Protein backbone atom coordinates (compact mmCIF):
# COMPACT_ATOMS: atom_id res chain seq x y z
CA UNK A 1 89.62 77.66 66.94
CA UNK A 2 86.82 76.09 68.97
CA UNK A 3 85.43 77.36 72.28
CA UNK A 4 87.44 74.90 74.39
CA UNK A 5 90.69 76.03 72.77
CA UNK A 6 89.78 79.69 73.21
CA UNK A 7 89.01 79.13 76.89
CA UNK A 8 92.24 77.20 77.44
CA UNK A 9 94.24 79.96 75.76
CA UNK A 10 92.67 82.60 78.02
CA UNK A 11 93.50 80.60 81.15
CA UNK A 12 97.10 80.04 80.03
CA UNK A 13 97.61 83.67 78.99
CA UNK A 14 96.35 85.18 82.25
CA UNK A 15 98.93 85.85 84.93
CA UNK A 16 99.25 88.03 88.03
CA UNK A 17 100.52 91.30 86.57
CA UNK A 18 102.82 93.30 88.86
CA UNK A 19 103.69 96.28 86.62
CA UNK A 20 101.38 98.42 84.49
CA UNK A 21 101.42 101.20 81.96
CA UNK A 22 99.72 104.35 83.29
CA UNK A 23 97.19 104.83 80.47
CA UNK A 24 93.59 104.37 81.66
CA UNK A 25 91.05 101.92 80.26
CA UNK A 26 87.84 103.36 78.73
CA UNK A 27 84.87 102.90 81.04
CA UNK A 28 82.84 101.14 78.36
CA UNK A 29 85.53 98.44 78.12
CA UNK A 30 85.48 97.94 81.90
CA UNK A 31 81.69 97.81 81.93
CA UNK A 32 81.60 95.21 79.15
CA UNK A 33 84.04 92.99 81.07
CA UNK A 34 82.01 93.29 84.27
CA UNK A 35 78.81 92.58 82.36
CA UNK A 36 80.33 89.34 81.05
CA UNK A 37 81.54 88.37 84.52
CA UNK A 38 77.95 88.64 85.80
CA UNK A 39 77.27 85.35 84.00
CA UNK A 40 79.42 83.38 86.43
CA UNK A 41 77.44 80.80 88.46
CA UNK A 42 76.76 81.32 92.17
CA UNK A 43 75.13 79.37 94.99
CA UNK A 44 71.35 79.51 94.36
CA UNK A 45 72.09 82.37 91.94
CA UNK A 46 72.34 84.80 94.85
CA UNK A 47 75.18 86.76 93.13
CA UNK A 48 76.54 88.03 96.47
CA UNK A 49 79.34 90.21 95.13
CA UNK A 50 79.19 93.96 95.25
CA UNK A 51 81.88 95.95 93.45
CA UNK A 52 83.33 99.38 94.16
CA UNK A 53 84.91 100.35 90.84
CA UNK A 54 87.51 103.10 91.17
CA UNK A 55 88.14 105.49 88.29
CA UNK A 56 91.73 106.13 87.23
CA UNK A 57 92.01 109.37 89.29
CA UNK A 58 90.49 107.72 92.36
CA UNK A 59 92.72 104.65 91.96
CA UNK A 60 95.77 106.92 91.98
CA UNK A 61 94.48 108.77 95.05
CA UNK A 62 93.65 105.51 96.83
CA UNK A 63 97.06 103.98 96.07
CA UNK A 64 98.83 107.06 97.43
CA UNK A 65 96.73 107.12 100.61
CA UNK A 66 96.93 103.35 101.09
CA UNK A 67 100.72 103.31 100.71
CA UNK A 68 101.02 106.02 103.34
CA UNK A 69 98.55 104.32 105.69
CA UNK A 70 100.32 100.97 105.87
CA UNK A 71 103.46 102.58 107.23
CA UNK A 72 101.76 102.91 110.61
CA UNK A 73 98.37 101.20 110.19
CA UNK A 74 97.50 97.93 111.88
CA UNK A 75 96.79 94.87 109.78
CA UNK A 76 93.22 93.72 110.21
CA UNK A 77 91.09 91.75 107.76
CA UNK A 78 87.37 91.06 107.71
CA UNK A 79 87.99 87.46 106.63
CA UNK A 80 90.63 85.41 108.50
CA UNK A 81 93.81 84.79 106.51
CA UNK A 82 95.21 81.22 106.22
CA UNK A 83 96.49 79.84 109.51
CA UNK A 84 99.59 78.37 107.87
CA UNK A 85 101.03 76.98 104.65
CA UNK A 86 102.53 73.51 104.93
CA UNK A 87 103.82 70.77 102.65
CA UNK A 88 103.19 71.19 98.94
CA UNK A 89 101.24 74.42 99.54
CA UNK A 90 104.21 76.05 101.22
CA UNK A 91 106.49 74.70 98.50
CA UNK A 92 104.35 76.20 95.73
CA UNK A 93 104.09 79.50 97.59
CA UNK A 94 107.85 79.73 98.03
CA UNK A 95 108.49 78.80 94.41
CA UNK A 96 106.15 81.57 93.28
CA UNK A 97 107.92 84.10 95.48
CA UNK A 98 111.40 83.12 94.37
CA UNK A 99 110.36 83.26 90.73
CA UNK A 100 109.36 86.89 91.27
CA UNK A 101 112.54 87.74 93.19
CA UNK A 102 114.67 85.96 90.59
CA UNK A 103 113.07 87.94 87.78
CA UNK A 104 113.83 91.15 89.69
CA UNK A 105 117.38 90.13 90.55
CA UNK A 106 116.67 90.04 94.30
CA UNK A 107 119.08 87.72 96.09
CA UNK A 108 118.03 85.40 98.88
CA UNK A 109 118.50 87.18 102.20
CA UNK A 110 118.22 90.69 100.75
CA UNK A 111 115.40 91.75 103.03
CA UNK A 112 115.62 95.41 102.05
CA UNK A 113 115.00 94.62 98.37
CA UNK A 114 112.29 92.04 99.07
CA UNK A 115 110.63 94.51 101.44
CA UNK A 116 110.59 97.20 98.76
CA UNK A 117 108.95 94.78 96.34
CA UNK A 118 106.41 93.68 98.94
CA UNK A 119 105.41 97.32 99.46
CA UNK A 120 104.56 97.57 95.76
CA UNK A 121 101.37 95.75 96.76
CA UNK A 122 100.36 98.88 98.64
CA UNK A 123 100.64 101.07 95.56
CA UNK A 124 98.67 98.50 93.55
CA UNK A 125 101.76 97.81 91.41
CA UNK A 126 101.07 101.07 89.59
CA UNK A 127 97.80 99.82 88.09
CA UNK A 128 95.54 102.60 86.76
CA UNK A 129 92.33 100.92 87.93
CA UNK A 130 91.07 98.98 90.94
CA UNK A 131 87.95 97.06 91.93
CA UNK A 132 87.03 96.37 95.56
CA UNK A 133 84.98 93.20 96.06
CA UNK A 134 82.68 92.73 99.06
CA UNK A 135 80.42 89.90 100.24
CA UNK A 136 77.52 89.75 102.75
CA UNK A 137 78.71 88.63 106.19
CA UNK A 138 75.60 86.48 106.65
CA UNK A 139 76.50 84.26 103.67
CA UNK A 140 79.79 83.27 105.29
CA UNK A 141 82.11 80.90 103.45
CA UNK A 142 79.73 80.31 100.57
CA UNK A 143 79.37 84.00 99.82
CA UNK A 144 83.15 84.36 99.74
CA UNK A 145 83.39 81.24 97.55
CA UNK A 146 80.98 82.79 95.05
CA UNK A 147 83.01 86.00 95.09
CA UNK A 148 86.14 83.99 94.29
CA UNK A 149 84.43 82.58 91.23
CA UNK A 150 83.38 86.09 90.26
CA UNK A 151 86.92 87.44 90.63
CA UNK A 152 88.19 84.69 88.32
CA UNK A 153 85.52 85.56 85.77
CA UNK A 154 86.43 89.26 85.96
CA UNK A 155 90.12 88.57 85.38
CA UNK A 156 89.39 86.29 82.42
CA UNK A 157 87.03 88.90 80.97
CA UNK A 158 89.84 91.45 81.23
CA UNK A 159 92.29 89.02 79.64
CA UNK A 160 89.90 88.52 76.72
CA UNK A 161 90.10 92.28 76.14
CA UNK A 162 93.88 92.42 76.25
CA UNK A 163 94.01 93.73 79.82
CA UNK A 164 96.16 92.43 82.66
CA UNK A 165 95.10 92.07 86.29
CA UNK A 166 95.96 90.77 89.73
CA UNK A 167 93.72 89.74 92.63
CA UNK A 168 95.00 91.39 95.81
CA UNK A 169 94.51 90.12 99.35
CA UNK A 170 96.95 92.81 100.50
CA UNK A 171 94.22 95.43 100.23
CA UNK A 172 91.87 93.35 102.37
CA UNK A 173 94.56 93.01 105.05
CA UNK A 174 93.92 96.66 106.01
CA UNK A 175 90.14 96.51 105.78
CA UNK A 176 89.29 99.24 108.35
CA UNK A 177 91.11 101.84 106.24
CA UNK A 178 89.31 100.73 103.07
CA UNK A 179 85.94 100.44 104.82
CA UNK A 180 86.20 103.96 106.19
CA UNK A 181 87.34 105.49 102.93
CA UNK A 182 84.50 103.97 100.88
CA UNK A 183 81.81 103.71 103.56
CA UNK A 184 81.43 99.94 103.21
CA UNK A 185 78.37 98.74 105.14
CA UNK A 186 78.96 96.86 108.39
CA UNK A 187 77.05 93.84 107.11
CA UNK A 188 79.57 93.25 104.30
CA UNK A 189 83.10 91.85 104.30
CA UNK A 190 85.92 93.16 102.12
CA UNK A 191 87.06 90.07 100.21
CA UNK A 192 89.87 91.42 98.02
CA UNK A 193 90.77 93.96 95.37
CA UNK A 194 91.46 93.47 91.66
CA UNK A 195 94.02 95.86 90.18
CA UNK A 196 94.04 96.02 86.39
CA UNK A 197 95.09 97.88 83.29
CA UNK A 198 97.54 97.51 80.41
CA UNK A 199 100.59 95.45 81.36
CA UNK A 200 104.08 96.89 81.10
CA UNK A 201 105.62 94.09 78.99
CA UNK A 202 109.18 95.34 79.54
CA UNK A 203 109.10 95.23 83.34
CA UNK A 204 110.98 92.19 84.73
CA UNK A 205 108.20 91.50 87.24
CA UNK A 206 106.08 90.41 84.28
CA UNK A 207 108.73 88.20 82.70
CA UNK A 208 108.04 84.91 84.47
CA UNK A 209 105.09 82.52 84.68
CA UNK A 210 104.09 80.12 87.42
CA UNK A 211 103.37 76.51 86.56
CA UNK A 212 100.40 74.36 87.48
CA UNK A 213 100.20 70.94 89.09
CA UNK A 214 99.55 67.91 86.90
CA UNK A 215 96.10 66.35 87.13
CA UNK A 216 97.64 63.34 88.85
CA UNK A 217 98.45 65.61 91.83
CA UNK A 218 94.95 66.99 92.29
CA UNK A 219 92.45 64.48 90.85
CA UNK A 220 91.61 61.16 92.54
CA UNK A 221 89.66 59.03 90.07
CA UNK A 222 87.27 56.57 91.72
């Protein structure tokens, strides 16, 4: 298998994992994945990402505290969330959501069941590990863009080691709580979290896969 085929297989195999086994990942495996992700390109090679890597015990403590906090805490993010989803973007978003609900047997209109599943975000879907990604405020959009590339590299590095992951904006939607807990400097924005570990292959939340648009939908040849 050549490098292009290996890369394509990694991209196709990766998915947003929403159920994990509890067993922790050895630190040396995590470090090797993060070391590989450092090779991702960034604007002028500034490498703006900073990572708070939570151990398995701290991830469990954080998930418990975070789940409790969101019951009464106010949503507030460092980086503005999308203003709206319209057209094909809304269609893709809805399709993704209904694929998840369908896999879990949640019927349309069952707000209690969909609410329970939504709250799984706040316990990190039971993942044994979590990374918190921050960017310098002064670098604005381009710093966040570089962090997005880094997050993709991290998730592919985990996939190459047989680990599952999910990038989580839900954690960033309660940034004051996270900032206070981990003493994040005022000159940095919380971009997102990455929850990861060994996937639970028998959980229905991991039984479906989203599709991708054809090139004809996203590439305009000139």
